[in-house]
C-alpha cells in the first residue's frame, strides 16, 4: 500500500502536472494555427490561379495595334501607342523624337541671348569612315555637359563638324581606287581624283551625321562645319597670309621625311620607328622580294695623289651615289695627313673633300671615317651646312635613282640599286665586307614604306617665337598644367622645338595660297627656281595685282603652288574659326 504524500511532495506533483497540461495546450494551439494558415493559403492560391486564367483568357482578346506607335509626320512630336510594348525596341521607341527636337530648335543657340555663353566644339570626326565606340563615349560625355549647362540657364552651343583628314582620307581613297580599278591617282588626274574623294566624303559624312543623330546628340546643326567648306577655307588662307606677312611662314629647301609611295613629305608622328638588332629581311611596298636591312657595308674610296684609300661604312650603301665629302675626327692620328685632301668617287669621278667633324665622328667607332651625304641624312645635312658642301639628291619622288646617280644606276628602284652598287664596288675591288648592325628604321604608318630622308623645297612655320610664348605662359602660371609633373614634358618639347613643315605634295586638302611668277626671260623655268618669285595672296586676283606691281611691263606666267597644307595647320585653328566669319 502506497504511503500518503506529505504536503511538499504533493505540491511538487501538482506543479509538474500543471506544466505538462500547459505544454499540451500550447502544442494544440500551434497545430490549430498552422491548419488555419494552410487553409488561407489554399484559398489564396485558388484565387490567384483563377485570376491568371482570366488574364490569359483576356490576353487572347488584346489588339496588337494598341502596342504599335502611330505614324508621326517628320518634325512633329512623336505619337505613341495606347499600350506600352512588353519588350523595349530602341528603333521603335526612339524613332521620330530627334526630328521633332530639331524642328523645335531645342538645341539652337540664340545669338541675341543675354544668357552667359557656353560653347563646346565637337572634335570633328574624320571622313575616313564611320564612328566607332570611342566616338560614342566622347559624344555621351559632351552631351551630358552641354545639356546640363543648357538646363542651368546658359546659352549653350554645341558645334558639329567633320574633318577632311587630308592625308588619311587620300590614302583610303587611293587604296580603294587601286583595289577596285587598278588605277593610281596619277592615272586619274587631279580633278577626277578629287571628285572621287568628294564622293567618299559625301557618303561617309552623311553616315557620320546620321550616327550622331541616332546617338541623340544635342548638337546645333545650324552651325555645322566641314574643315574644307568655304568659310573654313577662307580662315585657313587668312591665317597663312597673316603668318607669312609677320615672317613666321617661309619657304626653304630642307631635309624632310619622304614617303616614296605617297610621293609626299610626312610628319614625324607619321613615322613608326622600328629597332632592328641584326640583319633582317623586310617586305617593302613595290618590291617582289624582301629587302635586307640591319647590316653595315664597308667599302673604300681611292685617294688622290696616290695616298692610298680610306675605308667608310654605311647602312644605306645606295646613298654613296650622293656623297660629297668624307669626315674624320680632327685628333685622329690616322687621318691628320689627309685633312683638306680629296677622295675620288669611283662611279662619277666627283672629288670628295676630307673634312673634320668632331661632333659627328668618333675615332674609336668603325674605321673612324664617315661618308657624308647631305641630301639624304639628317646629321650629314647639318655637316653639309657647316662646311658648305654640295647637296645632291639622287632619288626621284617615287624612289628611283635619278640622273644624279649616274647612267649606270639611273632608273633603278632604290633598293634594287643597293645590290647593284655592291656588285659594282666588288668589280672595282673596293668592297670590304658586311656585318650585322643595330639600326632604327623609319616606316610610314600609312603605307608601311621605308621613309627616305630627302631635301625638298617646302613651306615652314617658324616655331621659336610661339614656343617662347607657350613656355612663358606655363612658367608664369597663366596656363596651369594638371597634373603638374607633365610640365616637364611641356618644357622638354617646346625647348627643343623645330620649325614645322606645313606643305604636303597631296591633292586633298587646303591648297597653299601661293602663286609662282615665271618671267619670260627667266633662265630656269621650273616652279620654285627663284625664291623671290613667290607671291602670297588671298586669291588669284590679288596675286595678279601684286605680280603686275612687282614686274611692270614684263610678260609672265602665274601658277598656284600645287601643294596642300598639312591637316594640322587647320586643326589648331578649328575651335576659334568655327564661329569666325560665320558669326
Protein backbone atom coordinates (compact mmCIF):
# COMPACT_ATOMS: atom_id res chain seq x y z
CA UNK A 1 0.00 0.00 0.00
CA UNK A 2 1.34 3.30 -1.12
CA UNK A 3 2.26 5.73 1.56
CA UNK A 4 0.41 9.10 1.54
CA UNK A 5 2.43 12.14 0.18
CA UNK A 6 3.37 14.82 2.51
CA UNK A 7 2.39 18.40 1.80
CA UNK A 8 5.61 19.39 -0.07
CA UNK A 9 5.66 16.33 -2.31
CA UNK A 10 2.02 16.87 -3.21
CA UNK A 11 2.67 20.46 -4.14
CA UNK A 12 5.57 19.43 -6.45
CA UNK A 13 3.42 16.79 -8.15
CA UNK A 14 0.60 19.23 -8.84
CA UNK A 15 3.02 21.77 -10.37
CA UNK A 16 4.53 19.10 -12.63
CA UNK A 17 1.10 18.02 -13.88
CA UNK A 18 0.14 21.66 -14.50
CA UNK A 19 3.25 22.28 -16.62
CA UNK A 20 2.57 19.16 -18.69
CA UNK A 21 -1.01 20.31 -19.27
CA UNK A 22 0.13 23.79 -20.36
CA UNK A 23 2.66 22.24 -22.76
CA UNK A 24 -0.05 20.13 -24.39
CA UNK A 25 -2.31 23.16 -24.72
CA UNK A 26 0.48 25.10 -26.49
CA UNK A 27 1.06 22.27 -28.95
CA UNK A 28 -2.63 22.13 -29.69
CA UNK A 29 -2.86 25.90 -30.32
CA UNK A 30 0.21 25.79 -32.63
CA UNK A 31 -1.35 22.94 -34.62
CA UNK A 32 -4.64 24.80 -34.97
CA UNK A 33 -2.79 27.95 -36.09
CA UNK A 34 -0.84 26.07 -38.79
CA UNK A 35 -4.01 24.43 -40.08
CA UNK A 36 -5.67 27.82 -40.34
CA UNK A 37 -2.68 29.26 -42.24
CA UNK A 38 -2.68 26.40 -44.72
CA UNK A 39 -6.39 26.85 -45.26
CA UNK A 40 -5.98 30.56 -46.02
CA UNK A 41 -3.04 29.89 -48.39
CA UNK A 42 -5.01 27.28 -50.25
CA UNK A 43 -7.87 29.70 -50.77
CA UNK A 44 -5.47 32.42 -51.95
CA UNK A 45 -3.71 30.13 -54.42
CA UNK A 46 -7.02 29.17 -55.89
CA UNK A 47 -7.97 32.81 -56.37
CA UNK A 48 -4.59 33.62 -57.99
CA UNK A 49 -4.87 30.72 -60.38
CA UNK A 50 -8.33 31.83 -61.30
CA UNK A 51 -7.07 35.40 -61.87
CA UNK A 52 -4.19 34.19 -64.08
CA UNK A 53 -6.58 32.10 -66.11
CA UNK A 54 -8.79 35.13 -66.58
CA UNK A 55 -5.81 37.27 -67.63
CA UNK A 56 -4.58 34.64 -70.04
CA UNK A 57 -8.06 34.31 -71.43
CA UNK A 58 -8.29 38.09 -71.77
CA UNK A 59 -4.84 38.35 -73.43
CA UNK A 60 -6.12 36.46 -76.42
CA UNK A 61 -8.55 39.29 -76.91
CA UNK A 62 -5.81 42.08 -76.96
CA UNK A 63 -5.47 44.23 -80.10
CA UNK A 64 -1.81 44.15 -81.34
CA UNK A 65 -2.22 47.60 -82.88
CA UNK A 66 -2.63 49.04 -79.39
CA UNK A 67 1.11 48.40 -78.87
CA UNK A 68 2.30 49.98 -82.14
CA UNK A 69 3.20 53.68 -82.28
CA UNK A 70 1.12 55.52 -84.88
CA UNK A 71 2.84 57.17 -87.86
CA UNK A 72 4.40 60.53 -86.91
CA UNK A 73 4.94 63.12 -89.69
CA UNK A 74 8.58 64.18 -89.87
CA UNK A 75 9.37 67.02 -87.50
CA UNK A 76 6.26 66.61 -85.37
CA UNK A 77 6.09 65.39 -81.79
CA UNK A 78 6.11 61.61 -81.67
CA UNK A 79 2.74 59.88 -81.42
CA UNK A 80 2.86 56.96 -79.01
CA UNK A 81 0.78 53.77 -78.70
CA UNK A 82 -2.05 53.47 -76.18
CA UNK A 83 -0.36 50.43 -74.61
CA UNK A 84 3.28 50.02 -73.61
CA UNK A 85 5.06 47.31 -75.53
CA UNK A 86 6.12 44.30 -73.47
CA UNK A 87 9.70 44.47 -74.87
CA UNK A 88 11.91 47.52 -75.44
CA UNK A 89 12.79 48.15 -79.08
CA UNK A 90 15.22 51.09 -79.47
CA UNK A 91 14.38 51.82 -83.15
CA UNK A 92 10.64 51.87 -82.42
CA UNK A 93 10.87 53.91 -79.21
CA UNK A 94 13.49 56.42 -80.37
CA UNK A 95 12.06 56.94 -83.85
CA UNK A 96 10.76 60.45 -84.61
CA UNK A 97 11.98 62.10 -81.40
CA UNK A 98 15.17 63.61 -82.84
CA UNK A 99 13.47 65.18 -85.92
CA UNK A 100 11.00 66.84 -83.55
CA UNK A 101 13.81 68.14 -81.34
CA UNK A 102 15.48 69.58 -84.44
CA UNK A 103 12.33 71.15 -85.89
CA UNK A 104 11.55 72.64 -82.48
CA UNK A 105 15.08 74.12 -82.38
CA UNK A 106 15.66 72.89 -78.87
CA UNK A 107 19.43 72.74 -79.46
CA UNK A 108 19.86 76.02 -81.34
CA UNK A 109 21.78 78.72 -79.53
CA UNK A 110 20.38 82.26 -79.59
CA UNK A 111 22.93 84.79 -80.86
CA UNK A 112 20.91 87.64 -79.28
CA UNK A 113 20.55 85.98 -75.88
CA UNK A 114 21.71 87.76 -72.73
CA UNK A 115 22.39 84.42 -71.05
CA UNK A 116 26.02 83.55 -70.30
CA UNK A 117 27.51 81.61 -73.24
CA UNK A 118 28.85 78.07 -73.03
CA UNK A 119 30.36 76.52 -76.16
CA UNK A 120 31.72 73.06 -76.97
CA UNK A 121 33.23 72.24 -80.36
CA UNK A 122 32.71 68.59 -81.19
CA UNK A 123 36.16 67.28 -82.16
CA UNK A 124 35.38 66.75 -85.85
CA UNK A 125 35.43 63.05 -86.80
CA UNK A 126 37.49 62.13 -89.86
CA UNK A 127 35.54 61.36 -93.03
CA UNK A 128 37.72 58.28 -93.48
CA UNK A 129 34.92 56.06 -92.21
CA UNK A 130 32.08 55.63 -89.72
CA UNK A 131 32.01 56.41 -86.00
CA UNK A 132 33.18 53.76 -83.52
CA UNK A 133 32.63 53.14 -79.80
CA UNK A 134 35.31 55.70 -78.87
CA UNK A 135 33.32 58.42 -80.62
CA UNK A 136 30.17 57.29 -78.80
CA UNK A 137 31.85 57.62 -75.41
CA UNK A 138 33.12 61.14 -76.16
CA UNK A 139 29.74 62.22 -77.57
CA UNK A 140 27.90 60.91 -74.49
CA UNK A 141 30.20 62.85 -72.14
CA UNK A 142 29.95 66.09 -74.12
CA UNK A 143 26.19 65.69 -74.49
CA UNK A 144 25.80 65.40 -70.72
CA UNK A 145 27.89 68.55 -70.25
CA UNK A 146 26.03 70.65 -72.80
CA UNK A 147 22.56 69.55 -71.62
CA UNK A 148 23.48 70.33 -68.02
CA UNK A 149 24.63 73.82 -68.98
CA UNK A 150 21.56 74.37 -71.13
CA UNK A 151 19.27 73.43 -68.23
CA UNK A 152 21.34 75.59 -65.87
CA UNK A 153 20.45 78.76 -67.78
CA UNK A 154 23.34 79.08 -70.21
CA UNK A 155 23.11 79.96 -73.88
CA UNK A 156 24.67 76.59 -74.78
CA UNK A 157 26.13 75.91 -78.21
CA UNK A 158 27.49 72.52 -79.28
CA UNK A 159 29.05 72.78 -82.74
CA UNK A 160 29.09 69.70 -85.00
CA UNK A 161 31.53 69.21 -87.83
CA UNK A 162 33.67 66.83 -89.86
CA UNK A 163 37.38 66.79 -90.63
CA UNK A 164 38.61 66.33 -94.20
CA UNK A 165 41.61 64.47 -92.67
CA UNK A 166 43.89 65.26 -95.63
CA UNK A 167 46.48 62.51 -95.92
CA UNK A 168 44.38 59.88 -94.11
CA UNK A 169 41.41 60.30 -96.44
CA UNK A 170 43.56 60.49 -99.56
CA UNK A 171 45.30 57.23 -98.64
CA UNK A 172 41.97 55.46 -98.05
CA UNK A 173 40.52 56.63 -101.37
CA UNK A 174 43.73 55.83 -103.27
CA UNK A 175 43.68 52.28 -101.91
CA UNK A 176 40.00 51.93 -102.81
CA UNK A 177 40.59 53.04 -106.42
CA UNK A 178 43.64 50.79 -106.77
CA UNK A 179 41.74 47.83 -105.31
CA UNK A 180 38.63 48.31 -107.46
CA UNK A 181 40.06 49.71 -110.72
CA UNK A 182 43.82 49.12 -110.55
CA UNK A 183 44.41 52.86 -111.05
CA UNK A 184 46.58 55.35 -109.17
CA UNK A 185 45.61 58.96 -108.51
CA UNK A 186 48.12 59.98 -111.18
CA UNK A 187 46.31 57.77 -113.68
CA UNK A 188 43.05 59.62 -112.92
CA UNK A 189 44.49 63.14 -112.74
CA UNK A 190 43.90 65.73 -110.05
CA UNK A 191 40.35 66.83 -110.93
CA UNK A 192 38.92 63.32 -111.33
CA UNK A 193 40.66 62.10 -108.21
CA UNK A 194 39.28 65.00 -106.14
CA UNK A 195 35.82 64.16 -107.48
CA UNK A 196 36.28 60.63 -106.14
CA UNK A 197 37.30 61.98 -102.73
CA UNK A 198 34.30 64.31 -102.60
CA UNK A 199 32.02 61.34 -103.34
CA UNK A 200 33.66 59.47 -100.47
CA UNK A 201 33.23 62.48 -98.19
CA UNK A 202 29.52 62.81 -99.07
CA UNK A 203 28.94 59.11 -98.41
CA UNK A 204 30.74 58.84 -95.08
CA UNK A 205 29.98 62.38 -93.99
CA UNK A 206 26.28 61.54 -94.30
CA UNK A 207 26.81 58.34 -92.35
CA UNK A 208 28.52 60.22 -89.51
CA UNK A 209 25.71 62.80 -89.34
CA UNK A 210 23.09 60.05 -89.14
CA UNK A 211 25.07 58.29 -86.43
CA UNK A 212 25.33 61.44 -84.31
CA UNK A 213 21.57 61.96 -84.59
CA UNK A 214 20.94 58.32 -83.71
CA UNK A 215 23.04 58.82 -80.57
CA UNK A 216 20.67 61.67 -79.64
CA UNK A 217 23.49 64.23 -79.50
CA UNK A 218 22.01 67.68 -78.79
CA UNK A 219 24.11 69.43 -81.46
CA UNK A 220 23.24 72.75 -83.05
CA UNK A 221 23.17 71.65 -86.71
CA UNK A 222 22.66 75.22 -87.88
CA UNK A 223 26.37 75.73 -87.06
CA UNK A 224 27.60 72.55 -88.76
CA UNK A 225 31.17 72.87 -90.10
CA UNK A 226 33.32 70.98 -92.57
CA UNK A 227 37.02 71.71 -92.40
CA UNK A 228 37.14 72.41 -96.15
CA UNK A 229 33.92 74.38 -96.55
CA UNK A 230 34.13 77.90 -97.93
CA UNK A 231 34.25 79.72 -94.61
CA UNK A 232 36.83 77.42 -93.02
CA UNK A 233 38.96 77.55 -96.19
CA UNK A 234 38.84 81.34 -96.06
CA UNK A 235 40.03 81.21 -92.45
CA UNK A 236 42.96 78.94 -93.38
CA UNK A 237 44.01 81.28 -96.19
CA UNK A 238 43.77 84.28 -93.90
CA UNK A 239 45.93 82.59 -91.27
CA UNK A 240 48.59 81.66 -93.84
CA UNK A 241 48.73 85.16 -95.34
CA UNK A 242 48.97 86.85 -91.94
CA UNK A 243 51.65 84.50 -90.65
CA UNK A 244 53.65 84.97 -93.84
CA UNK A 245 53.47 88.76 -93.56
CA UNK A 246 54.62 88.50 -89.94
CA UNK A 247 57.65 86.49 -91.06
CA UNK A 248 56.50 83.30 -89.35
CA UNK A 249 55.98 81.34 -92.57
CA UNK A 250 58.82 80.95 -95.06
CA UNK A 251 59.97 78.69 -97.89
CA UNK A 252 63.22 76.75 -97.75
CA UNK A 253 64.95 73.63 -99.06
CA UNK A 254 65.38 71.27 -96.14
CA UNK A 255 65.53 67.61 -95.27
CA UNK A 256 62.09 66.04 -94.82
CA UNK A 257 60.58 62.61 -94.18
CA UNK A 258 59.67 61.44 -97.69
CA UNK A 259 57.22 58.66 -98.50
CA UNK A 260 58.02 57.25 -101.94
CA UNK A 261 54.63 55.54 -102.21
CA UNK A 262 52.56 58.66 -101.44
CA UNK A 263 55.21 60.92 -103.02
CA UNK A 264 54.91 63.48 -100.26
CA UNK A 265 56.59 64.78 -97.15
CA UNK A 266 55.13 63.36 -93.94
CA UNK A 267 55.36 64.42 -90.30
CA UNK A 268 57.49 62.81 -87.61
CA UNK A 269 54.37 61.44 -85.94
CA UNK A 270 53.53 59.51 -89.12
CA UNK A 271 56.88 57.71 -88.95
CA UNK A 272 56.98 54.45 -86.98
CA UNK A 273 60.44 53.73 -85.58
CA UNK A 274 61.45 50.06 -85.80
CA UNK A 275 64.54 48.75 -83.97
CA UNK A 276 66.48 46.06 -85.80
CA UNK A 277 69.13 44.18 -83.81
CA UNK A 278 70.81 42.45 -86.76
CA UNK A 279 70.31 41.51 -90.41
CA UNK A 280 66.58 41.46 -91.16
CA UNK A 281 64.63 40.87 -94.38
CA UNK A 282 61.54 43.08 -94.68
CA UNK A 283 58.68 43.34 -97.13
CA UNK A 284 58.65 46.78 -98.79
CA UNK A 285 55.83 48.14 -101.00
CA UNK A 286 56.74 47.89 -104.69
CA UNK A 287 59.32 45.11 -104.26
CA UNK A 288 58.57 41.47 -105.02
CA UNK A 289 61.39 40.19 -102.81
CA UNK A 290 62.19 41.10 -99.18
CA UNK A 291 64.83 43.81 -98.71
CA UNK A 292 67.86 43.44 -96.45
CA UNK A 293 68.30 45.82 -93.50
CA UNK A 294 70.33 45.79 -90.30
CA UNK A 295 73.77 45.41 -91.88
CA UNK A 296 76.81 47.68 -92.13
CA UNK A 297 78.55 47.64 -95.50
CA UNK A 298 82.20 48.73 -95.75
CA UNK A 299 83.91 49.96 -98.90
CA UNK A 300 86.98 52.00 -99.88
CA UNK A 301 87.28 55.38 -101.57
CA UNK A 302 90.51 55.86 -103.58
CA UNK A 303 92.51 58.92 -102.51
CA UNK A 304 94.09 61.48 -104.81
CA UNK A 305 97.85 61.86 -105.23
CA UNK A 306 98.46 58.15 -104.73
CA UNK A 307 97.75 58.39 -101.00
CA UNK A 308 96.01 55.03 -100.95
CA UNK A 309 92.42 54.61 -99.83
CA UNK A 310 90.09 55.47 -96.99
CA UNK A 311 87.50 52.97 -95.79
CA UNK A 312 84.00 54.01 -94.74
CA UNK A 313 80.91 52.04 -93.70
CA UNK A 314 77.19 52.66 -94.15
CA UNK A 315 73.80 51.03 -93.57
CA UNK A 316 72.47 52.59 -96.80
CA UNK A 317 75.09 51.81 -99.42
CA UNK A 318 72.96 53.20 -102.29
CA UNK A 319 73.29 56.73 -100.88
CA UNK A 320 77.02 56.73 -101.61
CA UNK A 321 75.96 57.89 -105.09
CA UNK A 322 75.19 61.24 -103.44
CA UNK A 323 78.30 61.51 -101.22
CA UNK A 324 80.07 64.88 -101.32
CA UNK A 325 82.65 64.56 -98.50
CA UNK A 326 84.31 62.21 -96.00
CA UNK A 327 84.51 63.24 -92.34
CA UNK A 328 87.16 62.29 -89.77
CA UNK A 329 87.95 63.38 -86.21
CA UNK A 330 90.47 66.20 -86.02
CA UNK A 331 92.54 64.39 -83.36
CA UNK A 332 92.63 61.02 -85.10
CA UNK A 333 96.30 60.46 -85.87
CA UNK A 334 95.50 58.05 -88.70
CA UNK A 335 93.99 60.79 -90.82
CA UNK A 336 95.75 64.03 -89.85
CA UNK A 337 97.84 63.90 -93.03
CA UNK A 338 94.64 63.75 -95.09
CA UNK A 339 92.97 66.94 -93.77
CA UNK A 340 91.99 69.00 -96.78
CA UNK A 341 92.86 66.23 -99.21
CA UNK A 342 90.37 64.55 -101.56
CA UNK A 343 88.99 61.13 -102.29
CA UNK A 344 87.63 60.28 -105.72
CA UNK A 345 84.17 58.87 -106.29
CA UNK A 346 84.59 55.58 -108.18
CA UNK A 347 81.44 55.94 -110.33
CA UNK A 348 81.41 59.60 -111.33
CA UNK A 349 84.86 60.99 -110.55
CA UNK A 350 83.47 63.54 -108.08
CA UNK A 351 86.09 64.90 -105.65
CA UNK A 352 85.19 64.33 -102.01
CA UNK A 353 86.99 66.56 -99.52
CA UNK A 354 88.31 65.05 -96.27
CA UNK A 355 86.81 67.29 -93.57
CA UNK A 356 86.86 67.34 -89.77
CA UNK A 357 83.52 66.90 -87.99
CA UNK A 358 84.25 66.14 -84.35
CA UNK A 359 80.58 66.35 -83.33
CA UNK A 360 79.71 63.58 -85.78
CA UNK A 361 82.73 61.28 -85.89
CA UNK A 362 84.00 59.02 -83.12
CA UNK A 363 87.58 57.98 -83.76
CA UNK A 364 87.04 54.74 -81.85
CA UNK A 365 83.97 53.64 -83.83
CA UNK A 366 84.46 51.64 -87.00
CA UNK A 367 87.19 52.96 -89.25
CA UNK A 368 86.92 56.47 -87.80
CA UNK A 369 85.89 57.81 -91.23
CA UNK A 370 82.30 58.65 -92.18
CA UNK A 371 80.81 59.21 -95.64
CA UNK A 372 78.77 62.43 -95.87
CA UNK A 373 75.53 62.52 -97.90
CA UNK A 374 74.00 65.93 -97.06
CA UNK A 375 70.86 65.40 -99.16
CA UNK A 376 69.84 62.09 -97.53
CA UNK A 377 70.78 62.09 -93.85
CA UNK A 378 69.82 64.48 -91.05
CA UNK A 379 73.25 64.55 -89.41
CA UNK A 380 75.01 64.85 -92.76
CA UNK A 381 72.63 67.68 -93.66
CA UNK A 382 73.93 69.74 -90.73
CA UNK A 383 77.55 68.92 -91.61
CA UNK A 384 76.86 69.97 -95.18
CA UNK A 385 75.52 73.33 -93.99
CA UNK A 386 78.54 73.88 -91.74
CA UNK A 387 81.08 73.05 -94.44
CA UNK A 388 79.21 74.48 -97.42
CA UNK A 389 79.05 71.11 -99.18
CA UNK A 390 77.07 70.25 -102.28
CA UNK A 391 73.61 68.75 -101.65
CA UNK A 392 72.97 66.12 -104.33
CA UNK A 393 69.59 64.42 -104.36
CA UNK A 394 69.87 61.04 -106.09
CA UNK A 395 66.20 59.91 -105.88
CA UNK A 396 63.07 60.63 -107.88
CA UNK A 397 59.87 61.28 -105.95
CA UNK A 398 58.85 57.63 -106.29
CA UNK A 399 62.18 56.33 -105.03
CA UNK A 400 64.12 55.53 -108.17
CA UNK A 401 67.70 56.64 -108.88
CA UNK A 402 67.69 59.88 -110.89
CA UNK A 403 70.26 61.29 -113.31
CA UNK A 404 72.46 62.44 -110.40
CA UNK A 405 73.10 58.78 -109.58
CA UNK A 406 74.86 58.23 -112.86
CA UNK A 407 73.85 56.36 -116.04
CA UNK A 408 74.93 53.02 -114.57
CA UNK A 409 72.18 53.17 -111.92
CA UNK A 410 69.66 55.70 -113.25
CA UNK A 411 66.07 54.41 -113.27
CA UNK A 412 66.71 51.63 -110.74
CA UNK A 413 64.44 51.40 -107.68
CA UNK A 414 66.48 52.46 -104.65
CA UNK A 415 66.74 49.02 -103.06
CA UNK A 416 67.50 47.36 -106.37
CA UNK A 417 70.29 49.91 -106.71
CA UNK A 418 71.50 48.86 -103.24
CA UNK A 419 72.51 45.42 -104.56
CA UNK A 420 73.77 46.88 -107.85
CA UNK A 421 76.12 49.31 -106.08
CA UNK A 422 77.62 46.47 -104.02
CA UNK A 423 78.20 44.43 -107.19
CA UNK A 424 79.82 47.44 -108.89
CA UNK A 425 82.10 48.04 -105.90
CA UNK A 426 83.15 44.40 -105.98
CA UNK A 427 84.01 44.71 -109.66
CA UNK A 428 86.27 47.66 -108.87
CA UNK A 429 87.88 45.87 -105.94
CA UNK A 430 86.53 48.43 -103.44
CA UNK A 431 84.09 46.26 -101.49
CA UNK A 432 85.38 45.49 -97.98
CA UNK A 433 82.64 43.42 -96.35
CA UNK A 434 79.34 43.37 -94.45
CA UNK A 435 78.43 42.80 -90.82
CA UNK A 436 75.35 42.89 -88.59
CA UNK A 437 74.48 46.31 -87.22
CA UNK A 438 71.73 47.50 -84.90
CA UNK A 439 69.70 50.29 -86.53
CA UNK A 440 66.49 52.26 -86.12
CA UNK A 441 64.40 52.13 -89.29
CA UNK A 442 61.63 54.58 -90.14
CA UNK A 443 58.44 53.25 -91.77
CA UNK A 444 55.41 55.27 -92.82
CA UNK A 445 52.47 54.43 -90.58
CA UNK A 446 50.07 54.79 -93.52
CA UNK A 447 51.81 52.90 -96.34
CA UNK A 448 54.43 50.84 -94.49
CA UNK A 449 57.01 52.15 -96.94
CA UNK A 450 60.57 52.86 -95.80
CA UNK A 451 60.84 56.59 -95.11
CA UNK A 452 63.55 58.26 -97.17
CA UNK A 453 65.24 61.43 -95.87
CA UNK A 454 65.25 63.81 -98.86
CA UNK A 455 65.86 67.52 -99.39
CA UNK A 456 62.79 69.22 -100.79
CA UNK A 457 61.56 72.80 -101.16
CA UNK A 458 58.75 73.20 -98.62
CA UNK A 459 56.80 75.78 -96.63
CA UNK A 460 57.72 76.02 -92.95
CA UNK A 461 56.38 77.71 -89.82
CA UNK A 462 58.97 79.35 -87.55
CA UNK A 463 58.04 77.86 -84.18
CA UNK A 464 60.60 79.63 -81.96
CA UNK A 465 58.52 82.72 -81.17
CA UNK A 466 55.38 80.72 -80.44
CA UNK A 467 57.33 78.22 -78.34
CA UNK A 468 58.78 81.00 -76.18
CA UNK A 469 55.31 82.43 -75.59
CA UNK A 470 53.96 78.99 -74.66
CA UNK A 471 56.85 78.36 -72.27
CA UNK A 472 56.34 81.74 -70.58
CA UNK A 473 52.59 81.10 -70.20
CA UNK A 474 53.22 77.98 -68.12
CA UNK A 475 56.17 79.34 -66.16
CA UNK A 476 54.16 82.44 -65.22
CA UNK A 477 51.15 80.23 -64.26
CA UNK A 478 48.98 81.93 -66.88
CA UNK A 479 48.34 78.35 -68.02
CA UNK A 480 48.23 75.56 -65.45
CA UNK A 481 49.06 72.00 -66.47
CA UNK A 482 47.32 69.30 -64.44
CA UNK A 483 48.84 67.10 -63.09
CA UNK A 484 51.92 69.30 -62.58
CA UNK A 485 54.50 66.60 -63.36
CA UNK A 486 53.61 66.96 -67.03
CA UNK A 487 55.09 70.45 -67.02
CA UNK A 488 58.48 68.85 -67.66
CA UNK A 489 57.16 67.25 -70.83
CA UNK A 490 55.88 70.66 -71.89
CA UNK A 491 59.29 72.26 -71.31
CA UNK A 492 61.22 69.42 -72.93
CA UNK A 493 59.07 69.54 -76.05
CA UNK A 494 59.00 73.32 -76.52
CA UNK A 495 62.63 73.93 -75.59
CA UNK A 496 63.67 71.55 -78.37
CA UNK A 497 61.07 72.63 -80.92
CA UNK A 498 61.92 72.55 -84.62
CA UNK A 499 60.33 74.51 -87.41
CA UNK A 500 57.22 72.86 -88.78
CA UNK A 501 56.99 71.65 -92.39
CA UNK A 502 53.39 72.51 -93.32
CA UNK A 503 53.30 71.67 -97.04
CA UNK A 504 52.27 68.29 -98.42
CA UNK A 505 52.55 67.02 -102.00
CA UNK A 506 48.97 65.74 -101.92
CA UNK A 507 45.78 66.72 -103.74
CA UNK A 508 43.13 66.52 -100.99
CA UNK A 509 43.40 69.45 -98.62
CA UNK A 510 43.65 73.24 -98.41
CA UNK A 511 45.68 74.49 -101.36
CA UNK A 512 48.69 76.62 -100.40
CA UNK A 513 47.73 80.28 -101.14
CA UNK A 514 50.99 80.93 -103.00
CA UNK A 515 51.49 81.76 -106.67
CA UNK A 516 54.75 81.49 -108.60
CA UNK A 517 55.73 84.01 -111.25
CA UNK A 518 57.67 82.64 -114.23
CA UNK A 519 59.06 85.54 -116.22
CA UNK A 520 59.53 85.27 -119.94
CA UNK A 521 63.26 85.99 -119.60
CA UNK A 522 63.89 83.59 -116.67
CA UNK A 523 66.67 81.13 -117.45
CA UNK A 524 65.16 78.49 -115.15
CA UNK A 525 61.52 77.76 -115.92
CA UNK A 526 60.77 75.17 -113.20
CA UNK A 527 58.38 76.29 -110.46
CA UNK A 528 60.28 77.48 -107.41
CA UNK A 529 63.60 78.04 -109.18
CA UNK A 530 63.73 81.61 -107.83
CA UNK A 531 62.73 82.04 -104.20
CA UNK A 532 61.80 85.70 -104.70
CA UNK A 533 59.24 84.91 -107.40
CA UNK A 534 56.63 83.66 -104.94
CA UNK A 535 53.55 85.78 -104.23
CA UNK A 536 51.38 85.08 -101.17
CA UNK A 537 47.81 86.25 -101.66
CA UNK A 538 44.27 85.54 -100.53
CA UNK A 539 43.13 84.74 -104.08
CA UNK A 540 44.36 84.76 -107.67
CA UNK A 541 43.02 88.26 -108.35
CA UNK A 542 45.17 89.66 -105.54
CA UNK A 543 48.14 87.64 -106.81
CA UNK A 544 47.74 89.04 -110.35
CA UNK A 545 47.55 92.57 -108.99
CA UNK A 546 50.74 92.13 -106.98
CA UNK A 547 52.53 90.50 -109.92
CA UNK A 548 51.72 93.50 -112.13
CA UNK A 549 53.06 95.85 -109.48
CA UNK A 550 56.20 93.80 -108.89
CA UNK A 551 57.02 93.12 -112.57
CA UNK A 552 55.61 96.06 -114.56
CA UNK A 553 55.73 95.76 -118.35
CA UNK A 554 57.06 92.20 -118.18
CA UNK A 555 55.48 89.08 -119.61
CA UNK A 556 54.97 86.32 -117.12
CA UNK A 557 53.02 83.18 -116.25
CA UNK A 558 51.28 82.86 -112.87
CA UNK A 559 50.70 79.39 -111.37
CA UNK A 560 49.43 78.40 -107.95
CA UNK A 561 51.52 76.05 -105.85
CA UNK A 562 50.03 72.56 -106.35
CA UNK A 563 50.84 71.56 -102.74
CA UNK A 564 48.29 71.45 -99.94
CA UNK A 565 48.69 72.27 -96.28
CA UNK A 566 49.24 69.74 -93.54
CA UNK A 567 45.87 68.86 -91.94
CA UNK A 568 47.15 70.09 -88.58
CA UNK A 569 47.71 73.58 -89.98
CA UNK A 570 43.94 73.88 -89.98
CA UNK A 571 43.21 71.76 -86.91
CA UNK A 572 44.95 74.11 -84.48
CA UNK A 573 42.66 76.94 -85.57
CA UNK A 574 39.40 74.98 -85.80
CA UNK A 575 37.83 75.96 -82.44
CA UNK A 576 38.13 79.75 -82.89
CA UNK A 577 37.21 79.83 -86.56
CA UNK A 578 34.14 77.62 -86.15
CA UNK A 579 32.23 80.83 -85.47
CA UNK A 580 34.68 83.30 -87.04
CA UNK A 581 33.23 84.76 -90.25
CA UNK A 582 30.01 82.76 -89.74
CA UNK A 583 29.10 84.84 -86.71
